[in-house]
Amino acid sequence: MPAELLDDFTATGYPLGPGELGENILTHGLELYALPVGTLLHLGERAVRRTGLRDPGRRIAGRRR
């Protein structure tokens, strides 16, 4: 998940920190959602495949300041 998305949620009244939406990996400065499904992202000696989008709606419900 892009770290910038957490910043956007916080700016609109939903303060969220790393891991609070269930993400395992945060990216920074990468247009993650512009990458096609199936793209391999190399993280050191490992690689993960982008498989789709996740809807964080349920996890942010009720978190508004």
N, C-alpha and C. Protein backbone atom coordinates (compact mmCIF):
# COMPACT_ATOMS: atom_id res chain seq x y z
N MET A 1 0.85 -1.16 0.00
CA MET A 1 0.00 0.00 0.00
C MET A 1 0.90 1.24 0.00
N PRO A 2 0.53 2.26 -0.75
CA PRO A 2 1.31 3.49 -0.75
C PRO A 2 1.21 4.21 0.60
N ALA A 3 2.34 4.58 1.17
CA ALA A 3 2.35 5.33 2.42
C ALA A 3 1.60 6.65 2.26
N GLU A 4 1.63 7.20 1.07
CA GLU A 4 0.93 8.46 0.82
C GLU A 4 -0.57 8.33 1.05
N LEU A 5 -1.12 7.14 0.86
CA LEU A 5 -2.55 6.92 1.10
C LEU A 5 -2.88 7.11 2.59
N LEU A 6 -2.01 6.64 3.47
CA LEU A 6 -2.22 6.87 4.90
C LEU A 6 -2.20 8.36 5.21
N ASP A 7 -1.30 9.09 4.56
CA ASP A 7 -1.25 10.55 4.74
C ASP A 7 -2.56 11.19 4.29
N ASP A 8 -3.11 10.72 3.17
CA ASP A 8 -4.37 11.26 2.66
C ASP A 8 -5.52 10.99 3.64
N PHE A 9 -5.58 9.77 4.17
CA PHE A 9 -6.63 9.45 5.15
C PHE A 9 -6.51 10.35 6.38
N THR A 10 -5.30 10.51 6.88
CA THR A 10 -5.08 11.34 8.06
C THR A 10 -5.50 12.79 7.80
N ALA A 11 -5.17 13.30 6.63
CA ALA A 11 -5.51 14.68 6.27
C ALA A 11 -7.02 14.90 6.18
N THR A 12 -7.78 13.84 5.91
CA THR A 12 -9.23 13.98 5.78
C THR A 12 -9.97 13.55 7.05
N GLY A 13 -9.23 13.41 8.15
CA GLY A 13 -9.88 13.13 9.43
C GLY A 13 -9.88 11.69 9.87
N TYR A 14 -9.15 10.85 9.19
CA TYR A 14 -9.04 9.43 9.56
C TYR A 14 -7.57 9.12 9.87
N PRO A 15 -7.13 9.42 11.09
CA PRO A 15 -5.71 9.19 11.41
C PRO A 15 -5.36 7.71 11.43
N LEU A 16 -4.46 7.32 10.57
CA LEU A 16 -4.05 5.92 10.46
C LEU A 16 -2.53 5.83 10.45
N GLY A 17 -2.01 4.80 11.07
CA GLY A 17 -0.58 4.55 11.07
C GLY A 17 -0.27 3.27 10.32
N PRO A 18 1.00 2.99 10.11
CA PRO A 18 1.41 1.77 9.41
C PRO A 18 0.83 0.52 10.06
N GLY A 19 0.27 -0.35 9.23
CA GLY A 19 -0.27 -1.62 9.68
C GLY A 19 -1.72 -1.59 10.11
N GLU A 20 -2.30 -0.41 10.28
CA GLU A 20 -3.67 -0.32 10.79
C GLU A 20 -4.72 -0.73 9.77
N LEU A 21 -4.37 -0.83 8.51
CA LEU A 21 -5.30 -1.32 7.51
C LEU A 21 -4.99 -2.75 7.10
N GLY A 22 -4.07 -3.36 7.81
CA GLY A 22 -3.73 -4.75 7.54
C GLY A 22 -2.65 -4.94 6.49
N GLU A 23 -2.07 -3.84 6.04
CA GLU A 23 -1.02 -3.96 5.02
C GLU A 23 0.25 -4.49 5.66
N ASN A 24 1.01 -5.21 4.87
CA ASN A 24 2.29 -5.74 5.32
C ASN A 24 3.46 -4.93 4.80
N ILE A 25 3.24 -4.25 3.69
CA ILE A 25 4.31 -3.49 3.04
C ILE A 25 3.77 -2.13 2.64
N LEU A 26 4.53 -1.09 2.97
CA LEU A 26 4.21 0.26 2.52
C LEU A 26 5.27 0.69 1.51
N THR A 27 4.81 1.30 0.44
CA THR A 27 5.73 1.86 -0.54
C THR A 27 5.75 3.37 -0.37
N HIS A 28 6.77 4.01 -0.89
CA HIS A 28 6.85 5.46 -0.85
C HIS A 28 7.42 5.93 -2.19
N GLY A 29 6.73 6.88 -2.82
CA GLY A 29 7.22 7.43 -4.07
C GLY A 29 7.04 6.52 -5.27
N LEU A 30 6.19 5.51 -5.15
CA LEU A 30 5.94 4.57 -6.24
C LEU A 30 4.45 4.63 -6.58
N GLU A 31 4.13 4.82 -7.84
CA GLU A 31 2.72 4.86 -8.24
C GLU A 31 2.20 3.42 -8.31
N LEU A 32 2.00 2.85 -7.14
CA LEU A 32 1.65 1.44 -7.02
C LEU A 32 0.38 1.09 -7.78
N TYR A 33 -0.64 1.96 -7.70
CA TYR A 33 -1.91 1.65 -8.35
C TYR A 33 -1.85 1.78 -9.87
N ALA A 34 -0.77 2.38 -10.39
CA ALA A 34 -0.60 2.48 -11.84
C ALA A 34 0.05 1.23 -12.41
N LEU A 35 0.62 0.38 -11.54
CA LEU A 35 1.27 -0.83 -12.02
C LEU A 35 0.23 -1.89 -12.37
N PRO A 36 0.42 -2.60 -13.45
CA PRO A 36 -0.55 -3.64 -13.82
C PRO A 36 -0.55 -4.80 -12.82
N VAL A 37 -1.71 -5.41 -12.66
CA VAL A 37 -1.81 -6.62 -11.85
C VAL A 37 -0.82 -7.63 -12.42
N GLY A 38 -0.11 -8.31 -11.54
CA GLY A 38 0.89 -9.29 -11.97
C GLY A 38 2.31 -8.75 -11.92
N THR A 39 2.47 -7.43 -11.73
CA THR A 39 3.80 -6.85 -11.65
C THR A 39 4.55 -7.43 -10.46
N LEU A 40 5.82 -7.78 -10.69
CA LEU A 40 6.67 -8.26 -9.60
C LEU A 40 7.42 -7.08 -9.01
N LEU A 41 7.34 -6.95 -7.69
CA LEU A 41 8.10 -5.93 -6.98
C LEU A 41 9.21 -6.63 -6.22
N HIS A 42 10.43 -6.25 -6.47
CA HIS A 42 11.57 -6.90 -5.82
C HIS A 42 11.93 -6.15 -4.54
N LEU A 43 11.95 -6.88 -3.44
CA LEU A 43 12.25 -6.33 -2.12
C LEU A 43 13.47 -7.06 -1.59
N GLY A 44 14.63 -6.50 -1.84
CA GLY A 44 15.86 -7.20 -1.46
C GLY A 44 15.98 -8.48 -2.27
N GLU A 45 16.13 -9.62 -1.58
CA GLU A 45 16.26 -10.91 -2.26
C GLU A 45 14.92 -11.56 -2.54
N ARG A 46 13.84 -10.92 -2.16
CA ARG A 46 12.49 -11.48 -2.34
C ARG A 46 11.72 -10.67 -3.36
N ALA A 47 10.63 -11.25 -3.84
CA ALA A 47 9.75 -10.54 -4.76
C ALA A 47 8.31 -10.83 -4.36
N VAL A 48 7.46 -9.83 -4.54
CA VAL A 48 6.02 -10.00 -4.31
C VAL A 48 5.31 -9.60 -5.59
N ARG A 49 4.17 -10.22 -5.82
CA ARG A 49 3.39 -9.94 -7.03
C ARG A 49 2.18 -9.10 -6.66
N ARG A 50 1.96 -8.04 -7.41
CA ARG A 50 0.77 -7.21 -7.22
C ARG A 50 -0.42 -7.98 -7.77
N THR A 51 -1.38 -8.25 -6.89
CA THR A 51 -2.53 -9.07 -7.29
C THR A 51 -3.83 -8.31 -7.39
N GLY A 52 -3.91 -7.11 -6.85
CA GLY A 52 -5.14 -6.34 -6.96
C GLY A 52 -5.23 -5.30 -5.86
N LEU A 53 -6.38 -4.68 -5.78
CA LEU A 53 -6.62 -3.63 -4.81
C LEU A 53 -7.38 -4.17 -3.61
N ARG A 54 -7.20 -3.52 -2.50
CA ARG A 54 -7.90 -3.90 -1.28
C ARG A 54 -8.78 -2.73 -0.85
N ASP A 55 -9.99 -3.00 -0.43
CA ASP A 55 -10.92 -1.97 0.02
C ASP A 55 -10.76 -1.77 1.52
N PRO A 56 -10.18 -0.64 1.95
CA PRO A 56 -9.96 -0.42 3.37
C PRO A 56 -11.19 0.11 4.11
N GLY A 57 -12.32 0.22 3.45
CA GLY A 57 -13.50 0.84 4.03
C GLY A 57 -13.90 0.34 5.41
N ARG A 58 -13.98 -0.96 5.59
CA ARG A 58 -14.38 -1.50 6.90
C ARG A 58 -13.39 -1.16 7.98
N ARG A 59 -12.12 -1.12 7.64
CA ARG A 59 -11.09 -0.86 8.66
C ARG A 59 -11.04 0.60 9.10
N ILE A 60 -11.51 1.52 8.26
CA ILE A 60 -11.45 2.92 8.66
C ILE A 60 -12.78 3.42 9.21
N ALA A 61 -13.84 2.65 9.07
CA ALA A 61 -15.14 3.06 9.60
C ALA A 61 -15.03 3.32 11.10
N GLY A 62 -15.55 4.42 11.54
CA GLY A 62 -15.54 4.75 12.96
C GLY A 62 -14.26 5.33 13.47
N ARG A 63 -13.29 5.64 12.60
CA ARG A 63 -12.00 6.16 13.04
C ARG A 63 -11.88 7.66 12.89
N ARG A 64 -12.92 8.29 12.39
CA ARG A 64 -12.82 9.73 12.14
C ARG A 64 -12.60 10.51 13.43
N ARG A 65 -11.74 11.51 13.37
CA ARG A 65 -11.47 12.37 14.53
C ARG A 65 -12.66 13.19 14.88
